[in-house]
Amino acid sequence: MDVLSAIEGRRSIRKYSSKKVEDEKLKKVLEAARLSPSARNTQAWKFIVVKDPDKIKKIGDTTQSSQFLSEAPCVIVACGADPQSIMRCGQLRHTVDLSIATAYLILEAYEQGLGTCWIGSYDEQKVKEILNIPKGVRVVALTPLGYPAETPDARFRKSLDEIVCYETYN
């Protein structure tokens, strides 16, 4: 599968089968995140793999997505280990780096026949308590990971003419 096909085919999955994710597939998904670019190649991140159903339920309870997140056999928590670092352009390095890494992770999951759903609505402090994440580390994203139990239709996307301009913003 080529990259554009993966981007076109990937969907946010909100229903998961109970089938466990094989370690080989999980490793490939995590490898995609590891190989993603980061500002100044700092790689100041940690990916916490959660498989314990009780912890997954507790994490789910901190989100607005608790029902489907709790069904997944695995949850990956993307954490930024250098949250004070700001790029010259003014953006927080950990947010940008982990957004890229999580996108790579999500695309490789699709390639492996797995489903994901980017979760950004959660109680960070509660997630940190559940997973013993130290002070000074930020939780940037959560994603359930598992075999899809649904096949959602493609969602609306604006045309290129609506989102692209050349040379100046217009």
C-alpha atoms as a PDB file:
ATOM      1  CA  MET A   1       0.000   0.000   0.000  1.00  0.00           C
ATOM      2  CA  ASP A   2       1.311   3.457  -0.789  1.00  0.00           C
ATOM      3  CA  VAL A   3       1.135   6.353   1.660  1.00  0.00           C
ATOM      4  CA  LEU A   4      -1.671   8.253  -0.091  1.00  0.00           C
ATOM      5  CA  SER A   5      -3.793   5.085  -0.194  1.00  0.00           C
ATOM      6  CA  ALA A   6      -3.287   4.666   3.553  1.00  0.00           C
ATOM      7  CA  ILE A   7      -4.238   8.307   4.145  1.00  0.00           C
ATOM      8  CA  GLU A   8      -7.354   7.939   1.964  1.00  0.00           C
ATOM      9  CA  GLY A   9      -8.404   4.632   3.514  1.00  0.00           C
ATOM     10  CA  ARG A  10      -7.759   5.316   7.198  1.00  0.00           C
ATOM     11  CA  ARG A  11     -10.800   6.015   9.352  1.00  0.00           C
ATOM     12  CA  SER A  12     -11.328   6.870  13.001  1.00  0.00           C
ATOM     13  CA  ILE A  13     -12.511   3.617  14.546  1.00  0.00           C
ATOM     14  CA  ARG A  14     -14.937   3.724  17.447  1.00  0.00           C
ATOM     15  CA  LYS A  15     -15.806   0.013  17.692  1.00  0.00           C
ATOM     16  CA  TYR A  16     -13.224  -2.690  18.310  1.00  0.00           C
ATOM     17  CA  SER A  17     -13.257  -6.470  18.286  1.00  0.00           C
ATOM     18  CA  SER A  18     -11.920  -8.277  21.334  1.00  0.00           C
ATOM     19  CA  LYS A  19      -9.052  -9.802  19.297  1.00  0.00           C
ATOM     20  CA  LYS A  20      -5.676  -8.954  20.825  1.00  0.00           C
ATOM     21  CA  VAL A  21      -3.086  -7.026  18.829  1.00  0.00           C
ATOM     22  CA  GLU A  22      -0.125  -9.233  17.977  1.00  0.00           C
ATOM     23  CA  ASP A  23       3.226  -8.086  19.378  1.00  0.00           C
ATOM     24  CA  GLU A  24       4.753  -8.044  15.880  1.00  0.00           C
ATOM     25  CA  LYS A  25       2.099  -5.607  14.630  1.00  0.00           C
ATOM     26  CA  LEU A  26       2.344  -3.477  17.758  1.00  0.00           C
ATOM     27  CA  LYS A  27       6.112  -3.255  17.293  1.00  0.00           C
ATOM     28  CA  LYS A  28       5.688  -2.055  13.688  1.00  0.00           C
ATOM     29  CA  VAL A  29       3.218   0.615  14.800  1.00  0.00           C
ATOM     30  CA  LEU A  30       5.616   1.832  17.485  1.00  0.00           C
ATOM     31  CA  GLU A  31       8.536   1.684  15.037  1.00  0.00           C
ATOM     32  CA  ALA A  32       6.677   4.069  12.723  1.00  0.00           C
ATOM     33  CA  ALA A  33       6.400   6.565  15.591  1.00  0.00           C
ATOM     34  CA  ARG A  34      10.069   6.086  16.483  1.00  0.00           C
ATOM     35  CA  LEU A  35      11.145   6.837  12.907  1.00  0.00           C
ATOM     36  CA  SER A  36       9.085  10.026  12.619  1.00  0.00           C
ATOM     37  CA  PRO A  37      10.865  13.377  12.491  1.00  0.00           C
ATOM     38  CA  SER A  38      11.239  15.572  15.541  1.00  0.00           C
ATOM     39  CA  ALA A  39      12.527  19.116  15.949  1.00  0.00           C
ATOM     40  CA  ARG A  40      16.320  19.021  16.091  1.00  0.00           C
ATOM     41  CA  ASN A  41      15.952  15.230  16.234  1.00  0.00           C
ATOM     42  CA  THR A  42      15.452  15.448  19.998  1.00  0.00           C
ATOM     43  CA  GLN A  43      12.971  12.534  20.085  1.00  0.00           C
ATOM     44  CA  ALA A  44      11.824  13.823  23.484  1.00  0.00           C
ATOM     45  CA  TRP A  45       8.888  11.458  23.725  1.00  0.00           C
ATOM     46  CA  LYS A  46       7.575   8.327  25.387  1.00  0.00           C
ATOM     47  CA  PHE A  47       4.813   6.065  24.145  1.00  0.00           C
ATOM     48  CA  ILE A  48       3.066   4.163  26.900  1.00  0.00           C
ATOM     49  CA  VAL A  49       1.406   0.952  25.735  1.00  0.00           C
ATOM     50  CA  VAL A  50      -1.511   0.038  27.966  1.00  0.00           C
ATOM     51  CA  LYS A  51      -3.009  -3.446  27.698  1.00  0.00           C
ATOM     52  CA  ASP A  52      -4.446  -3.912  31.194  1.00  0.00           C
ATOM     53  CA  PRO A  53      -8.266  -3.742  30.816  1.00  0.00           C
ATOM     54  CA  ASP A  54      -8.693  -2.073  34.227  1.00  0.00           C
ATOM     55  CA  LYS A  55      -6.235   0.698  33.343  1.00  0.00           C
ATOM     56  CA  ILE A  56      -7.817   1.101  29.902  1.00  0.00           C
ATOM     57  CA  LYS A  57     -11.234   1.516  31.547  1.00  0.00           C
ATOM     58  CA  LYS A  58      -9.841   4.082  33.997  1.00  0.00           C
ATOM     59  CA  ILE A  59      -8.223   6.009  31.140  1.00  0.00           C
ATOM     60  CA  GLY A  60     -11.485   5.794  29.195  1.00  0.00           C
ATOM     61  CA  ASP A  61     -13.344   7.257  32.152  1.00  0.00           C
ATOM     62  CA  THR A  62     -11.206  10.410  31.825  1.00  0.00           C
ATOM     63  CA  THR A  63     -12.376  10.954  28.231  1.00  0.00           C
ATOM     64  CA  GLN A  64     -15.540  11.824  26.363  1.00  0.00           C
ATOM     65  CA  SER A  65     -14.907   8.601  24.430  1.00  0.00           C
ATOM     66  CA  SER A  66     -14.993   6.184  27.335  1.00  0.00           C
ATOM     67  CA  GLN A  67     -17.276   3.563  25.815  1.00  0.00           C
ATOM     68  CA  PHE A  68     -15.286   2.814  22.670  1.00  0.00           C
ATOM     69  CA  LEU A  69     -11.869   3.496  24.182  1.00  0.00           C
ATOM     70  CA  SER A  70     -12.607   0.941  26.890  1.00  0.00           C
ATOM     71  CA  GLU A  71     -13.473  -1.695  24.242  1.00  0.00           C
ATOM     72  CA  ALA A  72     -10.032  -1.541  22.643  1.00  0.00           C
ATOM     73  CA  PRO A  73      -7.518  -4.221  23.626  1.00  0.00           C
ATOM     74  CA  CYS A  74      -4.723  -1.648  23.692  1.00  0.00           C
ATOM     75  CA  VAL A  75      -4.297   2.095  24.209  1.00  0.00           C
ATOM     76  CA  ILE A  76      -1.212   4.089  23.300  1.00  0.00           C
ATOM     77  CA  VAL A  77      -0.488   7.245  25.280  1.00  0.00           C
ATOM     78  CA  ALA A  78       1.863   9.727  23.581  1.00  0.00           C
ATOM     79  CA  CYS A  79       3.869  11.797  26.057  1.00  0.00           C
ATOM     80  CA  GLY A  80       6.209  14.753  25.598  1.00  0.00           C
ATOM     81  CA  ALA A  81       9.258  14.662  27.830  1.00  0.00           C
ATOM     82  CA  ASP A  82      10.411  18.257  27.229  1.00  0.00           C
ATOM     83  CA  PRO A  83       7.269  20.395  27.450  1.00  0.00           C
ATOM     84  CA  GLN A  84       9.086  23.682  28.083  1.00  0.00           C
ATOM     85  CA  SER A  85      10.962  23.598  24.787  1.00  0.00           C
ATOM     86  CA  ILE A  86       9.704  26.106  22.237  1.00  0.00           C
ATOM     87  CA  MET A  87      10.773  26.129  18.596  1.00  0.00           C
ATOM     88  CA  ARG A  88      12.053  29.346  17.049  1.00  0.00           C
ATOM     89  CA  CYS A  89       8.667  29.767  15.317  1.00  0.00           C
ATOM     90  CA  GLY A  90       6.987  29.895  18.733  1.00  0.00           C
ATOM     91  CA  GLN A  91       5.348  26.452  18.662  1.00  0.00           C
ATOM     92  CA  LEU A  92       5.734  23.986  21.505  1.00  0.00           C
ATOM     93  CA  ARG A  93       8.177  21.332  20.319  1.00  0.00           C
ATOM     94  CA  HIS A  94       6.520  18.396  22.112  1.00  0.00           C
ATOM     95  CA  THR A  95       3.083  19.123  20.656  1.00  0.00           C
ATOM     96  CA  VAL A  96       4.365  19.301  17.087  1.00  0.00           C
ATOM     97  CA  ASP A  97       6.721  16.327  17.427  1.00  0.00           C
ATOM     98  CA  LEU A  98       4.112  14.074  18.995  1.00  0.00           C
ATOM     99  CA  SER A  99       1.447  15.093  16.501  1.00  0.00           C
ATOM    100  CA  ILE A 100       3.742  13.958  13.700  1.00  0.00           C
ATOM    101  CA  ALA A 101       4.735  10.753  15.510  1.00  0.00           C
ATOM    102  CA  THR A 102       1.135   9.878  16.346  1.00  0.00           C
ATOM    103  CA  ALA A 103       0.089  10.441  12.735  1.00  0.00           C
ATOM    104  CA  TYR A 104       2.832   8.055  11.574  1.00  0.00           C
ATOM    105  CA  LEU A 105       1.735   5.539  14.208  1.00  0.00           C
ATOM    106  CA  ILE A 106      -1.896   5.789  13.060  1.00  0.00           C
ATOM    107  CA  LEU A 107      -0.984   5.273   9.398  1.00  0.00           C
ATOM    108  CA  GLU A 108       1.129   2.207  10.164  1.00  0.00           C
ATOM    109  CA  ALA A 109      -1.699   0.825  12.299  1.00  0.00           C
ATOM    110  CA  TYR A 110      -3.969   1.078   9.261  1.00  0.00           C
ATOM    111  CA  GLU A 111      -1.334  -0.660   7.135  1.00  0.00           C
ATOM    112  CA  GLN A 112      -1.333  -3.485   9.714  1.00  0.00           C
ATOM    113  CA  GLY A 113      -5.127  -3.842   9.527  1.00  0.00           C
ATOM    114  CA  LEU A 114      -5.637  -2.141  12.888  1.00  0.00           C
ATOM    115  CA  GLY A 115      -7.913   0.715  13.861  1.00  0.00           C
ATOM    116  CA  THR A 116      -7.200   3.864  15.851  1.00  0.00           C
ATOM    117  CA  CYS A 117      -8.913   7.093  16.834  1.00  0.00           C
ATOM    118  CA  TRP A 118      -6.989  10.186  17.884  1.00  0.00           C
ATOM    119  CA  ILE A 119      -8.263  11.199  21.321  1.00  0.00           C
ATOM    120  CA  GLY A 120      -7.503  14.726  22.471  1.00  0.00           C
ATOM    121  CA  SER A 121     -10.332  15.176  24.956  1.00  0.00           C
ATOM    122  CA  TYR A 122      -9.192  13.671  28.266  1.00  0.00           C
ATOM    123  CA  ASP A 123      -8.311  14.700  31.777  1.00  0.00           C
ATOM    124  CA  GLU A 124      -4.528  14.859  31.549  1.00  0.00           C
ATOM    125  CA  GLN A 125      -3.947  14.917  35.302  1.00  0.00           C
ATOM    126  CA  LYS A 126      -6.046  11.786  35.852  1.00  0.00           C
ATOM    127  CA  VAL A 127      -4.295   9.954  32.988  1.00  0.00           C
ATOM    128  CA  LYS A 128      -0.944  10.915  34.517  1.00  0.00           C
ATOM    129  CA  GLU A 129      -2.039   9.551  37.905  1.00  0.00           C
ATOM    130  CA  ILE A 130      -3.283   6.262  36.410  1.00  0.00           C
ATOM    131  CA  LEU A 131      -0.021   5.686  34.539  1.00  0.00           C
ATOM    132  CA  ASN A 132       2.403   7.206  37.048  1.00  0.00           C
ATOM    133  CA  ILE A 133       3.590   9.809  34.540  1.00  0.00           C
ATOM    134  CA  PRO A 134       6.006  12.214  36.233  1.00  0.00           C
ATOM    135  CA  LYS A 135       5.504  15.922  36.678  1.00  0.00           C
ATOM    136  CA  GLY A 136       7.036  17.814  33.777  1.00  0.00           C
ATOM    137  CA  VAL A 137       5.852  15.283  31.188  1.00  0.00           C
ATOM    138  CA  ARG A 138       2.787  16.159  29.089  1.00  0.00           C
ATOM    139  CA  VAL A 139       0.215  13.770  27.655  1.00  0.00           C
ATOM    140  CA  VAL A 140      -0.351  14.945  24.079  1.00  0.00           C
ATOM    141  CA  ALA A 141      -2.620  12.251  22.630  1.00  0.00           C
ATOM    142  CA  LEU A 142      -4.294   8.925  23.294  1.00  0.00           C
ATOM    143  CA  THR A 143      -5.310   6.368  20.735  1.00  0.00           C
ATOM    144  CA  PRO A 144      -7.059   3.073  21.155  1.00  0.00           C
ATOM    145  CA  LEU A 145      -5.473   0.350  19.024  1.00  0.00           C
ATOM    146  CA  GLY A 146      -7.213  -2.805  17.924  1.00  0.00           C
ATOM    147  CA  TYR A 147      -9.027  -4.653  15.192  1.00  0.00           C
ATOM    148  CA  PRO A 148     -11.948  -2.622  13.823  1.00  0.00           C
ATOM    149  CA  ALA A 149     -15.458  -3.922  14.437  1.00  0.00           C
ATOM    150  CA  GLU A 150     -16.878  -1.337  12.030  1.00  0.00           C
ATOM    151  CA  THR A 151     -16.160   0.134   8.609  1.00  0.00           C
ATOM    152  CA  PRO A 152     -17.077   3.818   8.706  1.00  0.00           C
ATOM    153  CA  ASP A 153     -17.702   5.794   5.534  1.00  0.00           C
ATOM    154  CA  ALA A 154     -15.267   8.483   4.487  1.00  0.00           C
ATOM    155  CA  ARG A 155     -15.916  11.861   6.068  1.00  0.00           C
ATOM    156  CA  PHE A 156     -16.282  15.119   4.157  1.00  0.00           C
ATOM    157  CA  ARG A 157     -13.067  16.870   3.208  1.00  0.00           C
ATOM    158  CA  LYS A 158     -12.798  20.365   1.766  1.00  0.00           C
ATOM    159  CA  SER A 159     -11.415  20.715  -1.763  1.00  0.00           C
ATOM    160  CA  LEU A 160      -7.829  21.823  -2.355  1.00  0.00           C
ATOM    161  CA  ASP A 161      -9.163  25.132  -3.718  1.00  0.00           C
ATOM    162  CA  GLU A 162     -10.707  25.831  -0.308  1.00  0.00           C
ATOM    163  CA  ILE A 163      -7.585  25.149   1.740  1.00  0.00           C
ATOM    164  CA  VAL A 164      -4.610  26.040  -0.471  1.00  0.00           C
ATOM    165  CA  CYS A 165      -3.323  29.422  -1.573  1.00  0.00           C
ATOM    166  CA  TYR A 166      -0.052  30.297  -3.261  1.00  0.00           C
ATOM    167  CA  GLU A 167       2.515  32.914  -2.293  1.00  0.00           C
ATOM    168  CA  THR A 168       0.228  34.819   0.142  1.00  0.00           C
ATOM    169  CA  TYR A 169      -2.671  34.040   2.434  1.00  0.00           C
ATOM    170  CA  ASN A 170      -5.913  34.843   0.638  1.00  0.00           C
END
